[in-house]
């Protein structure tokens, strides 16, 4: 949510818009919006997460388009795609692979698992046991996996989209904080509005439509966007604002703990990517405010019961902290 009441207090003497590769982002969003109807904001958040080289967690009830979104991102960029269905009997080796004895050579040879793809859909990740969930930790943080003491690099770009059913549903295991922290953003799609739902009901099946859709950008274009996002400028006063947001989460009696410095870095990375999708080479306060609920929501917990902080608690933080 954006609170423009503070904007006049932030300096606006930035240079004119530079020539940046955000046209790749525009083409990608336009194509994605033709497939995922009525979710422009959520699609832009997903793209910003990808440009920031982060991983995305989508938490929602079944049937609202979580899996379709992951398929659409992979298809529209031309990324190598693997879907892993997480279940209670899934093992870590089913994800990262393992060593198999080769009779011809008389030695063990590593057989890579489905994690060796550019985009991984970890479908219903919280239906697997914590041990299996942890198999993704090294891959998401280091972009590599280790098996039998040997390290194997993952492809570039590498991006995980995980879907999660609501925790009250039967057969789910809560994601530990160490796993949650590997996700740059968490979003919810929600039900479409009436107009989008009617177009969806009367239109072609989304999967069939997606199967005919050619890529609109290349993986190299995505890498160009990621490099450009890292070069987006963040002014010192904007850093002051981010630090004030972090400090407020840590001092709040309503919350347990607060945001870590790593969460602050994640917030800046997401804000840079959000600014880039708007064609700017600098971050504004509204960029931080736009991504803050999705970067902070799964990292903040209520004091006492440990539940995730509700959206209204996140909103109060943003309202409390003024831009210097």
Protein backbone atom coordinates (compact mmCIF):
# COMPACT_ATOMS: atom_id res chain seq x y z
CA UNK A 1 0.00 0.00 0.00
CA UNK A 2 1.29 3.45 -0.87
CA UNK A 3 1.03 6.41 1.47
CA UNK A 4 1.71 9.49 -0.63
CA UNK A 5 1.30 11.91 2.28
CA UNK A 6 5.05 11.75 2.87
CA UNK A 7 6.31 12.14 -0.68
CA UNK A 8 6.76 15.90 -0.63
CA UNK A 9 9.36 15.45 2.10
CA UNK A 10 11.65 13.37 -0.11
CA UNK A 11 14.02 15.09 -2.57
CA UNK A 12 12.91 14.87 -6.19
CA UNK A 13 15.99 16.25 -8.00
CA UNK A 14 16.77 13.00 -9.81
CA UNK A 15 18.14 12.81 -13.37
CA UNK A 16 15.87 12.17 -16.32
CA UNK A 17 14.86 8.63 -17.12
CA UNK A 18 17.79 6.73 -18.61
CA UNK A 19 17.64 4.20 -21.40
CA UNK A 20 17.09 0.98 -19.48
CA UNK A 21 16.01 -2.53 -20.52
CA UNK A 22 12.62 -2.21 -18.83
CA UNK A 23 10.98 -2.75 -22.25
CA UNK A 24 11.70 -6.43 -21.67
CA UNK A 25 9.65 -6.24 -18.48
CA UNK A 26 6.82 -4.41 -20.24
CA UNK A 27 6.56 -7.09 -22.95
CA UNK A 28 6.63 -9.85 -20.37
CA UNK A 29 3.93 -8.25 -18.21
CA UNK A 30 1.66 -7.58 -21.18
CA UNK A 31 1.86 -11.22 -22.26
CA UNK A 32 1.38 -12.53 -18.72
CA UNK A 33 -1.69 -10.36 -18.21
CA UNK A 34 -3.32 -12.00 -21.21
CA UNK A 35 -2.96 -15.38 -19.52
CA UNK A 36 -3.46 -14.57 -15.81
CA UNK A 37 -6.50 -12.31 -15.85
CA UNK A 38 -7.11 -9.49 -13.40
CA UNK A 39 -3.86 -9.88 -11.45
CA UNK A 40 -1.70 -7.05 -12.79
CA UNK A 41 -0.26 -6.08 -9.40
CA UNK A 42 0.57 -9.64 -8.40
CA UNK A 43 2.24 -10.35 -11.75
CA UNK A 44 4.37 -7.23 -11.44
CA UNK A 45 5.41 -8.31 -7.94
CA UNK A 46 6.36 -11.76 -9.26
CA UNK A 47 8.42 -10.18 -12.04
CA UNK A 48 10.13 -7.79 -9.60
CA UNK A 49 11.02 -10.78 -7.43
CA UNK A 50 12.55 -12.54 -10.43
CA UNK A 51 14.48 -9.44 -11.52
CA UNK A 52 15.82 -9.06 -7.97
CA UNK A 53 17.19 -12.63 -8.22
CA UNK A 54 14.89 -13.73 -5.42
CA UNK A 55 12.56 -16.67 -4.89
CA UNK A 56 8.79 -16.36 -4.67
CA UNK A 57 6.32 -17.98 -2.28
CA UNK A 58 2.64 -17.96 -3.33
CA UNK A 59 0.27 -18.80 -0.51
CA UNK A 60 -3.38 -19.30 -1.35
CA UNK A 61 -6.21 -21.79 -1.64
CA UNK A 62 -6.10 -24.30 -4.52
CA UNK A 63 -7.50 -23.27 -7.88
CA UNK A 64 -6.65 -19.56 -8.08
CA UNK A 65 -3.82 -19.81 -10.63
CA UNK A 66 -0.64 -20.36 -8.60
CA UNK A 67 0.69 -23.16 -10.81
CA UNK A 68 -0.41 -21.40 -14.00
CA UNK A 69 1.56 -18.32 -12.97
CA UNK A 70 4.75 -20.39 -12.62
CA UNK A 71 4.17 -22.07 -15.99
CA UNK A 72 3.53 -18.69 -17.60
CA UNK A 73 6.77 -17.15 -16.29
CA UNK A 74 8.83 -20.08 -17.56
CA UNK A 75 7.09 -20.19 -20.93
CA UNK A 76 7.20 -16.46 -21.62
CA UNK A 77 10.93 -16.21 -20.85
CA UNK A 78 11.91 -19.52 -22.43
CA UNK A 79 13.33 -20.91 -19.20
CA UNK A 80 14.05 -24.58 -18.60
CA UNK A 81 11.22 -25.62 -16.26
CA UNK A 82 10.72 -28.40 -13.73
CA UNK A 83 7.71 -28.99 -11.51
CA UNK A 84 8.25 -30.88 -8.25
CA UNK A 85 5.10 -32.07 -6.50
CA UNK A 86 5.84 -32.01 -2.78
CA UNK A 87 4.22 -34.85 -0.83
CA UNK A 88 4.74 -36.38 2.60
CA UNK A 89 6.82 -39.27 1.16
CA UNK A 90 9.11 -37.11 -1.01
CA UNK A 91 12.81 -37.51 -0.14
CA UNK A 92 15.68 -34.99 -0.49
CA UNK A 93 17.31 -37.17 -3.16
CA UNK A 94 14.10 -36.89 -5.20
CA UNK A 95 14.89 -33.16 -5.46
CA UNK A 96 18.65 -32.80 -5.72
CA UNK A 97 19.52 -36.22 -7.20
CA UNK A 98 22.05 -38.76 -6.00
CA UNK A 99 24.98 -40.97 -6.87
CA UNK A 100 24.33 -44.22 -8.74
CA UNK A 101 26.87 -47.01 -9.26
CA UNK A 102 28.05 -47.29 -12.85
CA UNK A 103 29.08 -50.86 -13.72
CA UNK A 104 31.07 -49.79 -16.79
CA UNK A 105 33.36 -47.44 -14.88
CA UNK A 106 33.19 -49.17 -11.50
CA UNK A 107 32.47 -45.83 -9.83
CA UNK A 108 29.53 -43.85 -8.54
CA UNK A 109 28.18 -41.16 -10.87
CA UNK A 110 25.96 -38.27 -9.82
CA UNK A 111 22.55 -38.16 -11.47
CA UNK A 112 21.09 -34.64 -11.15
CA UNK A 113 17.55 -34.27 -9.85
CA UNK A 114 14.81 -31.90 -11.03
CA UNK A 115 16.33 -28.98 -9.09
CA UNK A 116 18.78 -28.60 -11.99
CA UNK A 117 16.54 -26.31 -14.02
CA UNK A 118 16.29 -22.55 -14.45
CA UNK A 119 12.81 -22.30 -12.91
CA UNK A 120 11.58 -24.73 -10.28
CA UNK A 121 7.95 -24.97 -9.27
CA UNK A 122 7.90 -26.41 -5.75
CA UNK A 123 4.21 -27.22 -5.77
CA UNK A 124 2.50 -27.42 -2.35
CA UNK A 125 5.86 -27.19 -0.60
CA UNK A 126 4.33 -27.40 2.87
CA UNK A 127 2.96 -30.90 2.21
CA UNK A 128 6.50 -32.31 2.47
CA UNK A 129 8.31 -32.99 5.74
CA UNK A 130 10.75 -30.40 7.11
CA UNK A 131 13.69 -32.66 6.17
CA UNK A 132 12.63 -32.65 2.53
CA UNK A 133 11.87 -28.93 2.58
CA UNK A 134 15.43 -28.31 3.78
CA UNK A 135 16.81 -29.92 0.61
CA UNK A 136 16.11 -26.63 -1.14
CA UNK A 137 17.99 -24.45 1.37
CA UNK A 138 21.44 -24.65 -0.21
CA UNK A 139 20.02 -24.42 -3.73
CA UNK A 140 18.06 -21.27 -2.95
CA UNK A 141 20.82 -19.53 -1.02
CA UNK A 142 24.00 -20.61 -2.80
CA UNK A 143 22.59 -21.64 -6.19
CA UNK A 144 24.39 -24.95 -5.87
CA UNK A 145 23.82 -28.38 -4.35
CA UNK A 146 26.19 -30.72 -2.54
CA UNK A 147 26.00 -34.49 -2.81
CA UNK A 148 28.50 -36.93 -1.28
CA UNK A 149 30.91 -34.08 -0.62
CA UNK A 150 30.87 -32.79 -4.20
CA UNK A 151 29.37 -29.44 -5.17
CA UNK A 152 27.39 -28.89 -8.36
CA UNK A 153 26.44 -25.46 -9.71
CA UNK A 154 22.85 -24.78 -10.70
CA UNK A 155 21.95 -23.12 -14.01
CA UNK A 156 21.74 -19.38 -14.40
CA UNK A 157 19.25 -17.82 -13.98
CA UNK A 158 17.86 -19.94 -11.16
CA UNK A 159 14.48 -19.17 -9.62
CA UNK A 160 12.16 -21.05 -7.28
CA UNK A 161 8.43 -20.44 -7.20
CA UNK A 162 6.87 -22.35 -4.32
CA UNK A 163 3.15 -22.68 -3.73
CA UNK A 164 1.81 -23.19 -0.25
CA UNK A 165 -1.65 -24.18 0.89
CA UNK A 166 -3.10 -22.47 3.98
CA UNK A 167 -1.57 -23.98 7.12
CA UNK A 168 -4.95 -24.98 8.58
CA UNK A 169 -5.49 -27.54 5.80
CA UNK A 170 -4.94 -31.20 6.66
CA UNK A 171 -1.55 -32.72 5.83
CA UNK A 172 0.58 -29.58 5.88
CA UNK A 173 3.87 -28.92 7.69
CA UNK A 174 4.76 -25.31 8.58
CA UNK A 175 7.81 -23.92 6.81
CA UNK A 176 10.63 -23.16 9.29
CA UNK A 177 11.84 -19.58 9.53
CA UNK A 178 15.15 -20.48 7.86
CA UNK A 179 13.20 -21.72 4.83
CA UNK A 180 10.81 -18.77 4.77
CA UNK A 181 13.73 -16.35 4.87
CA UNK A 182 15.03 -17.80 1.58
CA UNK A 183 11.97 -16.40 -0.19
CA UNK A 184 12.39 -12.79 -1.18
CA UNK A 185 8.62 -12.26 -1.42
CA UNK A 186 5.36 -13.89 -0.48
CA UNK A 187 2.23 -12.98 -2.40
CA UNK A 188 -1.39 -14.10 -2.49
CA UNK A 189 -3.38 -14.18 -5.72
CA UNK A 190 -6.89 -14.27 -4.30
CA UNK A 191 -10.06 -14.72 -6.29
CA UNK A 192 -10.43 -12.73 -9.52
CA UNK A 193 -12.88 -9.86 -9.70
CA UNK A 194 -16.21 -10.41 -11.43
CA UNK A 195 -15.10 -9.10 -14.83
CA UNK A 196 -11.89 -11.15 -14.91
CA UNK A 197 -13.69 -14.25 -13.68
CA UNK A 198 -16.33 -13.95 -16.38
CA UNK A 199 -13.67 -13.59 -19.07
CA UNK A 200 -11.94 -16.63 -17.60
CA UNK A 201 -15.13 -18.71 -17.60
CA UNK A 202 -16.06 -17.77 -21.15
CA UNK A 203 -12.57 -17.90 -22.62
CA UNK A 204 -10.13 -20.57 -23.69
CA UNK A 205 -8.50 -22.89 -21.19
CA UNK A 206 -5.45 -21.08 -19.79
CA UNK A 207 -3.12 -24.07 -20.20
CA UNK A 208 -4.04 -24.52 -23.87
CA UNK A 209 -3.55 -20.81 -24.43
CA UNK A 210 -0.17 -20.98 -22.74
CA UNK A 211 0.93 -23.99 -24.80
CA UNK A 212 0.60 -21.90 -27.97
CA UNK A 213 2.33 -18.86 -26.50
CA UNK A 214 5.92 -18.38 -27.71
CA UNK A 215 8.52 -16.74 -25.45
CA UNK A 216 8.39 -12.94 -25.52
CA UNK A 217 11.86 -12.39 -24.06
CA UNK A 218 14.98 -14.57 -23.81
CA UNK A 219 16.82 -15.75 -20.69
CA UNK A 220 19.63 -13.36 -21.71
CA UNK A 221 17.12 -10.49 -21.54
CA UNK A 222 16.21 -11.51 -18.01
CA UNK A 223 19.89 -11.52 -17.02
CA UNK A 224 20.16 -8.02 -18.51
CA UNK A 225 17.22 -6.89 -16.36
CA UNK A 226 18.81 -8.42 -13.28
CA UNK A 227 22.11 -6.60 -13.91
CA UNK A 228 20.28 -3.33 -14.53
CA UNK A 229 18.33 -3.67 -11.27
CA UNK A 230 21.54 -4.02 -9.30
CA UNK A 231 22.67 -0.67 -10.75
CA UNK A 232 19.51 1.22 -9.71
CA UNK A 233 20.49 4.06 -7.38
CA UNK A 234 19.38 4.23 -3.76
CA UNK A 235 19.90 7.65 -2.13
CA UNK A 236 21.21 7.92 1.43
CA UNK A 237 17.93 9.39 2.65
CA UNK A 238 16.13 6.38 1.20
CA UNK A 239 18.51 4.17 3.20
CA UNK A 240 17.50 6.20 6.27
CA UNK A 241 13.87 5.40 5.53
CA UNK A 242 14.56 1.67 5.15
CA UNK A 243 16.51 1.64 8.42
CA UNK A 244 13.63 3.38 10.16
CA UNK A 245 11.24 0.69 8.89
CA UNK A 246 13.57 -2.04 10.16
CA UNK A 247 13.96 -0.35 13.55
CA UNK A 248 10.20 0.02 13.93
CA UNK A 249 9.64 -3.71 13.40
CA UNK A 250 12.27 -4.47 16.07
CA UNK A 251 10.85 -2.12 18.68
CA UNK A 252 7.18 -2.96 18.17
CA UNK A 253 5.51 -4.60 21.18
CA UNK A 254 3.10 -6.24 18.75
CA UNK A 255 5.82 -8.18 16.93
CA UNK A 256 8.36 -10.79 17.96
CA UNK A 257 11.92 -10.11 16.89
CA UNK A 258 11.65 -7.82 13.89
CA UNK A 259 13.36 -7.73 10.51
CA UNK A 260 16.99 -8.76 10.16
CA UNK A 261 19.69 -6.92 8.16
CA UNK A 262 19.29 -9.61 5.49
CA UNK A 263 15.61 -8.69 5.26
CA UNK A 264 16.69 -5.07 4.78
CA UNK A 265 18.89 -6.10 1.86
CA UNK A 266 15.98 -8.08 0.42
CA UNK A 267 13.74 -5.01 0.74
CA UNK A 268 16.22 -2.84 -1.15
CA UNK A 269 16.69 -5.45 -3.88
CA UNK A 270 12.93 -5.72 -4.36
CA UNK A 271 12.52 -1.93 -4.40
CA UNK A 272 15.26 -1.59 -7.03
CA UNK A 273 13.53 -4.15 -9.23
CA UNK A 274 10.15 -2.47 -8.74
CA UNK A 275 11.66 0.89 -9.78
CA UNK A 276 13.22 -0.73 -12.86
CA UNK A 277 9.86 -2.09 -14.02
CA UNK A 278 8.71 1.55 -13.99
CA UNK A 279 11.69 2.56 -16.13
CA UNK A 280 13.55 4.48 -13.42
CA UNK A 281 17.21 4.29 -12.40
CA UNK A 282 16.51 5.38 -8.81
CA UNK A 283 14.34 4.16 -5.95
CA UNK A 284 11.53 6.29 -4.52
CA UNK A 285 9.71 5.81 -1.21
CA UNK A 286 6.65 4.43 -3.00
CA UNK A 287 8.82 1.63 -4.43
CA UNK A 288 9.76 0.56 -0.91
CA UNK A 289 6.15 0.88 0.26
CA UNK A 290 4.87 -1.17 -2.68
CA UNK A 291 7.08 -4.18 -1.93
CA UNK A 292 7.39 -3.90 1.86
CA UNK A 293 4.27 -5.96 2.78
CA UNK A 294 5.39 -8.79 0.49
CA UNK A 295 8.99 -8.80 1.69
CA UNK A 296 8.16 -8.41 5.39
CA UNK A 297 4.89 -10.30 5.77
CA UNK A 298 6.33 -13.83 5.99
CA UNK A 299 9.28 -12.69 8.11
CA UNK A 300 7.32 -10.96 10.88
CA UNK A 301 5.46 -12.80 13.63
CA UNK A 302 3.11 -11.70 16.35
CA UNK A 303 4.45 -11.63 19.88
CA UNK A 304 2.91 -14.38 21.98
CA UNK A 305 1.37 -16.85 19.54
CA UNK A 306 4.03 -16.69 16.78
CA UNK A 307 1.53 -16.35 13.94
CA UNK A 308 2.49 -14.37 10.85
CA UNK A 309 1.80 -10.70 11.28
CA UNK A 310 -1.53 -9.82 9.61
CA UNK A 311 -1.65 -7.26 6.76
CA UNK A 312 -3.07 -4.58 9.05
CA UNK A 313 -0.01 -4.85 11.32
CA UNK A 314 2.29 -4.37 8.32
CA UNK A 315 0.20 -1.43 7.18
CA UNK A 316 0.53 0.22 10.60
CA UNK A 317 4.32 0.03 10.36
CA UNK A 318 4.32 1.83 7.00
CA UNK A 319 1.90 4.47 8.32
CA UNK A 320 4.01 5.01 11.42
CA UNK A 321 7.34 5.60 9.69
CA UNK A 322 7.63 8.94 7.91
CA UNK A 323 10.05 9.60 5.08
CA UNK A 324 12.73 11.95 6.44
